[in-house]
């Protein structure tokens, strides 16, 4: 990972073989981030995406082993039970230019991931919402 601090946050470049979201969790700990928003693009492989089934209150997970264009990564950094938690969504494109998207559970960088992190000074916590089964922002 390479990074540079900019006004309002950081620009980050993840390198081949690095893991999402683990690298971002480590970065948040190292920099003492309270909250952040992320936007990015690049290439990913060994991707696990999810779709949240509201009725079942559970994610349907699916593996995508090949390399894909990361056409959009968006998400936020909050805290869940005192630990940094990145909530990430990704849109991927395959060789046939078809889009695949969902909640990003994990992925490996295939070539690069270029990210913009906009940081916030106030910490945002998450708490369990019994109605949806999700861990939502505690505002």
N, C-alpha and C. Protein backbone atom coordinates (compact mmCIF):
# COMPACT_ATOMS: atom_id res chain seq x y z
N UNK A 1 0.84 -1.18 0.00
CA UNK A 1 0.00 0.00 0.00
C UNK A 1 0.89 1.24 0.00
N UNK A 2 0.47 2.18 -0.83
CA UNK A 2 1.09 3.49 -0.79
C UNK A 2 -0.03 4.49 -0.53
N UNK A 3 0.32 5.57 0.17
CA UNK A 3 -0.70 6.56 0.50
C UNK A 3 -0.06 7.94 0.62
N UNK A 4 -0.92 8.93 0.50
CA UNK A 4 -0.49 10.30 0.71
C UNK A 4 -1.63 11.04 1.38
N UNK A 5 -1.29 11.82 2.39
CA UNK A 5 -2.30 12.62 3.05
C UNK A 5 -2.61 13.84 2.19
N UNK A 6 -3.89 14.15 2.07
CA UNK A 6 -4.35 15.32 1.34
C UNK A 6 -5.30 16.09 2.24
N UNK A 7 -5.65 17.29 1.84
CA UNK A 7 -6.60 18.06 2.64
C UNK A 7 -7.92 17.31 2.69
N UNK A 8 -8.37 16.98 3.88
CA UNK A 8 -9.64 16.28 4.06
C UNK A 8 -9.55 14.78 4.06
N UNK A 9 -8.34 14.22 3.91
CA UNK A 9 -8.25 12.77 3.94
C UNK A 9 -6.96 12.21 3.37
N UNK A 10 -7.10 11.15 2.55
CA UNK A 10 -5.96 10.43 2.02
C UNK A 10 -6.27 9.92 0.61
N UNK A 11 -5.24 9.82 -0.20
CA UNK A 11 -5.32 9.02 -1.42
C UNK A 11 -4.49 7.77 -1.14
N UNK A 12 -5.04 6.63 -1.51
CA UNK A 12 -4.43 5.34 -1.18
C UNK A 12 -4.38 4.49 -2.45
N UNK A 13 -3.25 3.82 -2.65
CA UNK A 13 -3.14 2.87 -3.74
C UNK A 13 -2.79 1.51 -3.16
N UNK A 14 -3.71 0.56 -3.34
CA UNK A 14 -3.44 -0.81 -2.92
C UNK A 14 -2.76 -1.53 -4.07
N UNK A 15 -1.87 -2.44 -3.71
CA UNK A 15 -1.07 -3.14 -4.72
C UNK A 15 -1.53 -4.58 -4.88
N UNK A 16 -1.09 -5.16 -5.96
CA UNK A 16 -1.42 -6.55 -6.31
C UNK A 16 -1.24 -7.47 -5.11
N UNK A 17 -2.26 -8.28 -4.84
CA UNK A 17 -2.19 -9.26 -3.76
C UNK A 17 -2.69 -8.76 -2.42
N UNK A 18 -2.91 -7.45 -2.27
CA UNK A 18 -3.41 -6.93 -1.00
C UNK A 18 -4.90 -7.19 -0.88
N UNK A 19 -5.38 -7.30 0.35
CA UNK A 19 -6.75 -7.73 0.62
C UNK A 19 -7.63 -6.57 1.07
N UNK A 20 -8.85 -6.59 0.57
CA UNK A 20 -9.90 -5.68 1.02
C UNK A 20 -10.91 -6.50 1.82
N UNK A 21 -11.45 -6.02 2.91
CA UNK A 21 -11.22 -4.72 3.51
C UNK A 21 -10.08 -4.69 4.53
N UNK A 22 -9.38 -5.81 4.69
CA UNK A 22 -8.36 -5.91 5.75
C UNK A 22 -7.33 -4.78 5.70
N UNK A 23 -6.84 -4.45 4.52
CA UNK A 23 -5.84 -3.38 4.42
C UNK A 23 -6.41 -2.05 4.90
N UNK A 24 -7.69 -1.80 4.62
CA UNK A 24 -8.31 -0.55 5.06
C UNK A 24 -8.56 -0.54 6.56
N UNK A 25 -8.86 -1.69 7.14
CA UNK A 25 -9.02 -1.79 8.59
C UNK A 25 -7.70 -1.45 9.26
N UNK A 26 -6.62 -2.05 8.77
CA UNK A 26 -5.28 -1.78 9.33
C UNK A 26 -4.91 -0.31 9.19
N UNK A 27 -5.22 0.28 8.03
CA UNK A 27 -4.92 1.68 7.78
C UNK A 27 -5.68 2.57 8.77
N UNK A 28 -6.96 2.27 8.98
CA UNK A 28 -7.78 3.05 9.91
C UNK A 28 -7.20 2.99 11.32
N UNK A 29 -6.77 1.81 11.74
CA UNK A 29 -6.15 1.66 13.07
C UNK A 29 -4.85 2.47 13.15
N UNK A 30 -4.00 2.29 12.14
CA UNK A 30 -2.68 2.94 12.13
C UNK A 30 -2.81 4.46 12.17
N UNK A 31 -3.77 5.00 11.44
CA UNK A 31 -3.92 6.45 11.36
C UNK A 31 -4.87 7.00 12.42
N UNK A 32 -5.50 6.13 13.20
CA UNK A 32 -6.43 6.57 14.23
C UNK A 32 -7.66 7.27 13.66
N UNK A 33 -8.16 6.77 12.53
CA UNK A 33 -9.31 7.40 11.90
C UNK A 33 -10.57 7.21 12.74
N UNK A 34 -11.38 8.25 12.80
CA UNK A 34 -12.64 8.19 13.55
C UNK A 34 -13.79 7.76 12.65
N UNK A 35 -13.80 8.26 11.43
CA UNK A 35 -14.82 7.93 10.43
C UNK A 35 -14.29 8.38 9.09
N UNK A 36 -14.79 7.76 8.01
CA UNK A 36 -14.34 8.13 6.67
C UNK A 36 -15.34 7.62 5.65
N UNK A 37 -15.22 8.19 4.46
CA UNK A 37 -15.97 7.73 3.31
C UNK A 37 -14.97 7.39 2.24
N UNK A 38 -15.22 6.32 1.46
CA UNK A 38 -14.28 5.86 0.45
C UNK A 38 -14.95 5.80 -0.91
N UNK A 39 -14.15 6.12 -1.92
CA UNK A 39 -14.55 5.97 -3.31
C UNK A 39 -13.34 5.45 -4.04
N UNK A 40 -13.54 4.50 -4.98
CA UNK A 40 -12.38 3.98 -5.66
C UNK A 40 -12.69 3.17 -6.89
N UNK A 41 -11.59 2.75 -7.57
CA UNK A 41 -11.67 1.91 -8.75
C UNK A 41 -10.39 1.12 -8.87
N UNK A 42 -10.36 0.17 -9.80
CA UNK A 42 -9.17 -0.66 -9.98
C UNK A 42 -9.52 -2.01 -10.56
N UNK A 43 -8.83 -3.05 -10.09
CA UNK A 43 -9.11 -4.42 -10.51
C UNK A 43 -9.05 -5.33 -9.29
N UNK A 44 -10.01 -6.25 -9.22
CA UNK A 44 -10.08 -7.18 -8.09
C UNK A 44 -10.23 -8.61 -8.59
N UNK A 45 -9.85 -9.55 -7.74
CA UNK A 45 -10.08 -10.97 -8.00
C UNK A 45 -10.44 -11.64 -6.68
N UNK A 46 -10.86 -12.90 -6.77
CA UNK A 46 -11.26 -13.64 -5.57
C UNK A 46 -12.21 -12.80 -4.72
N UNK A 47 -13.25 -12.34 -5.37
CA UNK A 47 -14.21 -11.42 -4.75
C UNK A 47 -15.36 -12.19 -4.13
N UNK A 48 -15.78 -11.76 -2.94
CA UNK A 48 -17.00 -12.29 -2.33
C UNK A 48 -17.95 -11.12 -2.13
N UNK A 49 -19.10 -11.22 -2.81
CA UNK A 49 -20.14 -10.19 -2.72
C UNK A 49 -21.35 -10.75 -2.01
N UNK A 50 -22.17 -9.84 -1.50
CA UNK A 50 -23.39 -10.25 -0.83
C UNK A 50 -24.57 -9.40 -1.22
N UNK A 51 -25.75 -10.01 -1.11
CA UNK A 51 -27.03 -9.33 -1.29
C UNK A 51 -27.81 -9.58 -0.01
N UNK A 52 -28.30 -8.51 0.62
CA UNK A 52 -28.99 -8.68 1.89
C UNK A 52 -30.46 -9.01 1.65
N UNK A 53 -30.87 -10.18 2.12
CA UNK A 53 -32.26 -10.63 2.05
C UNK A 53 -32.96 -10.12 3.30
N UNK A 54 -33.76 -9.10 3.14
CA UNK A 54 -34.40 -8.45 4.28
C UNK A 54 -35.36 -9.38 5.02
N UNK A 55 -36.07 -10.23 4.28
CA UNK A 55 -37.00 -11.16 4.94
C UNK A 55 -36.25 -12.18 5.80
N UNK A 56 -35.18 -12.72 5.26
CA UNK A 56 -34.40 -13.73 5.99
C UNK A 56 -33.46 -13.09 7.01
N UNK A 57 -33.24 -11.77 6.88
CA UNK A 57 -32.29 -11.04 7.73
C UNK A 57 -30.90 -11.67 7.67
N UNK A 58 -30.49 -11.97 6.43
CA UNK A 58 -29.18 -12.60 6.22
C UNK A 58 -28.68 -12.27 4.81
N UNK A 59 -27.37 -12.29 4.66
CA UNK A 59 -26.77 -12.06 3.36
C UNK A 59 -26.75 -13.35 2.55
N UNK A 60 -27.05 -13.23 1.28
CA UNK A 60 -26.81 -14.29 0.30
C UNK A 60 -25.44 -13.97 -0.27
N UNK A 61 -24.49 -14.88 -0.12
CA UNK A 61 -23.11 -14.62 -0.53
C UNK A 61 -22.78 -15.40 -1.79
N UNK A 62 -21.91 -14.78 -2.61
CA UNK A 62 -21.46 -15.45 -3.82
C UNK A 62 -20.00 -15.11 -4.09
N UNK A 63 -19.26 -16.11 -4.55
CA UNK A 63 -17.83 -15.96 -4.87
C UNK A 63 -17.67 -15.67 -6.36
N UNK A 64 -16.73 -14.79 -6.68
CA UNK A 64 -16.36 -14.46 -8.06
C UNK A 64 -14.85 -14.58 -8.15
N UNK A 65 -14.32 -15.72 -8.61
CA UNK A 65 -12.89 -16.00 -8.51
C UNK A 65 -12.00 -15.28 -9.53
N UNK A 66 -12.50 -14.96 -10.70
CA UNK A 66 -11.67 -14.36 -11.75
C UNK A 66 -11.33 -12.90 -11.44
N UNK A 67 -10.57 -12.30 -12.34
CA UNK A 67 -10.25 -10.87 -12.24
C UNK A 67 -11.37 -10.05 -12.87
N UNK A 68 -11.71 -8.94 -12.22
CA UNK A 68 -12.78 -8.06 -12.67
C UNK A 68 -12.32 -6.61 -12.56
N UNK A 69 -12.84 -5.77 -13.46
CA UNK A 69 -12.65 -4.33 -13.32
C UNK A 69 -13.48 -3.88 -12.12
N UNK A 70 -12.88 -3.13 -11.25
CA UNK A 70 -13.61 -2.49 -10.17
C UNK A 70 -14.02 -1.12 -10.70
N UNK A 71 -15.25 -1.02 -11.19
CA UNK A 71 -15.69 0.22 -11.80
C UNK A 71 -16.17 1.23 -10.77
N UNK A 72 -16.54 0.74 -9.58
CA UNK A 72 -16.95 1.64 -8.51
C UNK A 72 -16.87 0.94 -7.17
N UNK A 73 -16.19 1.58 -6.24
CA UNK A 73 -16.17 1.15 -4.85
C UNK A 73 -16.64 2.34 -4.03
N UNK A 74 -17.60 2.11 -3.18
CA UNK A 74 -18.10 3.17 -2.32
C UNK A 74 -18.36 2.57 -0.94
N UNK A 75 -18.23 3.41 0.09
CA UNK A 75 -18.49 2.90 1.42
C UNK A 75 -18.09 3.87 2.49
N UNK A 76 -18.15 3.36 3.73
CA UNK A 76 -17.84 4.23 4.86
C UNK A 76 -17.16 3.43 5.97
N UNK A 77 -16.41 4.17 6.75
CA UNK A 77 -15.75 3.64 7.94
C UNK A 77 -16.52 4.10 9.16
N UNK A 78 -16.95 3.15 9.96
CA UNK A 78 -17.58 3.43 11.24
C UNK A 78 -16.95 2.49 12.26
N UNK A 79 -17.54 2.43 13.45
CA UNK A 79 -17.04 1.53 14.47
C UNK A 79 -18.14 0.60 14.94
N UNK A 80 -17.79 -0.67 15.06
CA UNK A 80 -18.71 -1.69 15.53
C UNK A 80 -18.03 -2.40 16.69
N UNK A 81 -18.62 -2.27 17.87
CA UNK A 81 -18.05 -2.89 19.08
C UNK A 81 -16.58 -2.49 19.25
N UNK A 82 -16.32 -1.19 19.12
CA UNK A 82 -14.99 -0.59 19.33
C UNK A 82 -13.96 -0.94 18.27
N UNK A 83 -14.36 -1.61 17.19
CA UNK A 83 -13.43 -1.96 16.12
C UNK A 83 -13.79 -1.22 14.85
N UNK A 84 -12.78 -0.80 14.05
CA UNK A 84 -13.06 -0.16 12.77
C UNK A 84 -13.83 -1.12 11.87
N UNK A 85 -14.87 -0.61 11.21
CA UNK A 85 -15.72 -1.43 10.35
C UNK A 85 -15.95 -0.69 9.04
N UNK A 86 -15.49 -1.27 7.95
CA UNK A 86 -15.70 -0.70 6.61
C UNK A 86 -16.92 -1.35 5.99
N UNK A 87 -17.92 -0.54 5.68
CA UNK A 87 -19.10 -1.00 4.95
C UNK A 87 -18.88 -0.63 3.50
N UNK A 88 -18.63 -1.64 2.66
CA UNK A 88 -18.23 -1.40 1.27
C UNK A 88 -19.20 -2.03 0.29
N UNK A 89 -19.48 -1.31 -0.79
CA UNK A 89 -20.24 -1.86 -1.92
C UNK A 89 -19.38 -1.71 -3.16
N UNK A 90 -19.48 -2.69 -4.07
CA UNK A 90 -18.65 -2.67 -5.27
C UNK A 90 -19.49 -2.97 -6.51
N UNK A 91 -19.10 -2.34 -7.60
CA UNK A 91 -19.62 -2.69 -8.92
C UNK A 91 -18.42 -3.19 -9.71
N UNK A 92 -18.54 -4.42 -10.22
CA UNK A 92 -17.48 -5.06 -10.98
C UNK A 92 -17.94 -5.26 -12.42
N UNK A 93 -17.01 -5.29 -13.35
CA UNK A 93 -17.32 -5.58 -14.75
C UNK A 93 -16.48 -6.76 -15.21
N UNK A 94 -17.12 -7.67 -15.97
CA UNK A 94 -16.38 -8.82 -16.49
C UNK A 94 -15.95 -8.58 -17.93
N UNK A 95 -15.34 -9.57 -18.55
CA UNK A 95 -14.83 -9.46 -19.93
C UNK A 95 -15.91 -9.14 -20.95
N UNK A 96 -17.12 -9.51 -20.65
CA UNK A 96 -18.24 -9.27 -21.55
C UNK A 96 -18.94 -7.95 -21.23
N UNK A 97 -18.34 -7.14 -20.34
CA UNK A 97 -18.85 -5.82 -19.96
C UNK A 97 -20.16 -5.91 -19.18
N UNK A 98 -20.37 -7.03 -18.52
CA UNK A 98 -21.53 -7.18 -17.65
C UNK A 98 -21.17 -6.72 -16.25
N UNK A 99 -22.13 -6.07 -15.61
CA UNK A 99 -21.91 -5.57 -14.25
C UNK A 99 -22.36 -6.58 -13.22
N UNK A 100 -21.60 -6.67 -12.15
CA UNK A 100 -21.89 -7.50 -10.99
C UNK A 100 -21.72 -6.57 -9.80
N UNK A 101 -22.66 -6.59 -8.88
CA UNK A 101 -22.50 -5.66 -7.76
C UNK A 101 -23.08 -6.23 -6.48
N UNK A 102 -22.69 -5.61 -5.37
CA UNK A 102 -23.21 -6.00 -4.07
C UNK A 102 -22.32 -5.53 -2.94
N UNK A 103 -22.68 -5.98 -1.75
CA UNK A 103 -21.89 -5.71 -0.55
C UNK A 103 -20.57 -6.46 -0.69
N UNK A 104 -19.46 -5.75 -0.51
CA UNK A 104 -18.14 -6.38 -0.65
C UNK A 104 -17.70 -6.95 0.69
N UNK A 105 -17.64 -8.27 0.76
CA UNK A 105 -17.14 -8.92 1.98
C UNK A 105 -15.63 -9.05 1.94
N UNK A 106 -15.10 -9.46 0.79
CA UNK A 106 -13.64 -9.59 0.68
C UNK A 106 -13.24 -9.68 -0.78
N UNK A 107 -12.00 -9.29 -1.02
CA UNK A 107 -11.43 -9.35 -2.36
C UNK A 107 -9.92 -9.21 -2.27
N UNK A 108 -9.25 -9.61 -3.33
CA UNK A 108 -7.81 -9.43 -3.47
C UNK A 108 -7.58 -8.50 -4.65
N UNK A 109 -6.67 -7.57 -4.48
CA UNK A 109 -6.34 -6.65 -5.57
C UNK A 109 -5.62 -7.44 -6.66
N UNK A 110 -6.13 -7.34 -7.90
CA UNK A 110 -5.53 -8.05 -9.04
C UNK A 110 -4.38 -7.26 -9.65
N UNK A 111 -4.53 -5.95 -9.76
CA UNK A 111 -3.46 -5.11 -10.30
C UNK A 111 -3.27 -3.87 -9.44
N UNK A 112 -4.36 -3.14 -9.19
CA UNK A 112 -4.29 -1.94 -8.37
C UNK A 112 -5.69 -1.59 -7.88
N UNK A 113 -5.74 -0.81 -6.83
CA UNK A 113 -6.99 -0.19 -6.38
C UNK A 113 -6.62 1.22 -5.95
N UNK A 114 -7.25 2.21 -6.60
CA UNK A 114 -6.97 3.61 -6.31
C UNK A 114 -8.16 4.18 -5.54
N UNK A 115 -7.89 4.63 -4.33
CA UNK A 115 -8.95 5.00 -3.41
C UNK A 115 -8.79 6.42 -2.90
N UNK A 116 -9.91 7.07 -2.70
CA UNK A 116 -9.96 8.38 -2.05
C UNK A 116 -10.70 8.20 -0.74
N UNK A 117 -10.03 8.52 0.36
CA UNK A 117 -10.65 8.46 1.69
C UNK A 117 -10.88 9.87 2.18
N UNK A 118 -12.13 10.21 2.43
CA UNK A 118 -12.47 11.50 3.02
C UNK A 118 -12.76 11.26 4.48
N UNK A 119 -11.97 11.85 5.35
CA UNK A 119 -12.06 11.55 6.77
C UNK A 119 -12.94 12.55 7.51
N UNK A 120 -13.49 12.08 8.62
CA UNK A 120 -14.32 12.88 9.51
C UNK A 120 -13.72 12.83 10.90
N UNK A 121 -13.88 13.90 11.66
CA UNK A 121 -13.29 13.95 13.00
C UNK A 121 -14.14 13.26 14.06
N UNK A 122 -15.44 13.20 13.84
CA UNK A 122 -16.32 12.61 14.84
C UNK A 122 -16.58 11.14 14.51
N UNK A 123 -16.44 10.32 15.51
CA UNK A 123 -16.62 8.88 15.36
C UNK A 123 -18.09 8.55 15.15
N UNK A 124 -18.34 7.60 14.26
CA UNK A 124 -19.69 7.10 14.00
C UNK A 124 -19.72 5.64 14.45
N UNK A 125 -20.65 5.33 15.32
CA UNK A 125 -20.80 3.96 15.85
C UNK A 125 -21.94 3.26 15.12
N UNK A 126 -21.93 1.94 15.18
CA UNK A 126 -23.02 1.11 14.66
C UNK A 126 -23.64 0.34 15.81
N UNK A 127 -24.94 0.06 15.68
CA UNK A 127 -25.60 -0.80 16.67
C UNK A 127 -26.62 -1.67 15.95
N UNK A 128 -26.92 -2.80 16.53
CA UNK A 128 -27.85 -3.75 15.94
C UNK A 128 -29.26 -3.17 15.91
N UNK A 129 -29.93 -3.36 14.76
CA UNK A 129 -31.31 -2.96 14.59
C UNK A 129 -32.15 -4.23 14.50
N UNK A 130 -32.96 -4.53 15.52
CA UNK A 130 -33.70 -5.78 15.53
C UNK A 130 -34.71 -5.91 14.39
N UNK A 131 -35.22 -4.80 13.90
CA UNK A 131 -36.23 -4.86 12.84
C UNK A 131 -35.65 -5.37 11.52
N UNK A 132 -34.44 -4.89 11.16
CA UNK A 132 -33.84 -5.31 9.90
C UNK A 132 -32.79 -6.40 10.04
N UNK A 133 -32.25 -6.54 11.24
CA UNK A 133 -31.17 -7.48 11.45
C UNK A 133 -29.81 -6.91 11.08
N UNK A 134 -29.78 -5.65 10.68
CA UNK A 134 -28.54 -5.00 10.27
C UNK A 134 -27.93 -4.22 11.43
N UNK A 135 -26.66 -3.92 11.30
CA UNK A 135 -25.98 -3.05 12.26
C UNK A 135 -25.91 -1.67 11.63
N UNK A 136 -26.76 -0.76 12.09
CA UNK A 136 -26.94 0.54 11.46
C UNK A 136 -26.22 1.64 12.22
N UNK A 137 -26.06 2.79 11.57
CA UNK A 137 -25.45 3.94 12.23
C UNK A 137 -26.25 4.29 13.47
N UNK A 138 -25.56 4.50 14.55
CA UNK A 138 -26.18 4.93 15.83
C UNK A 138 -26.07 6.44 15.91
N UNK A 139 -27.06 7.12 15.42
CA UNK A 139 -27.03 8.59 15.38
C UNK A 139 -27.83 9.15 16.51
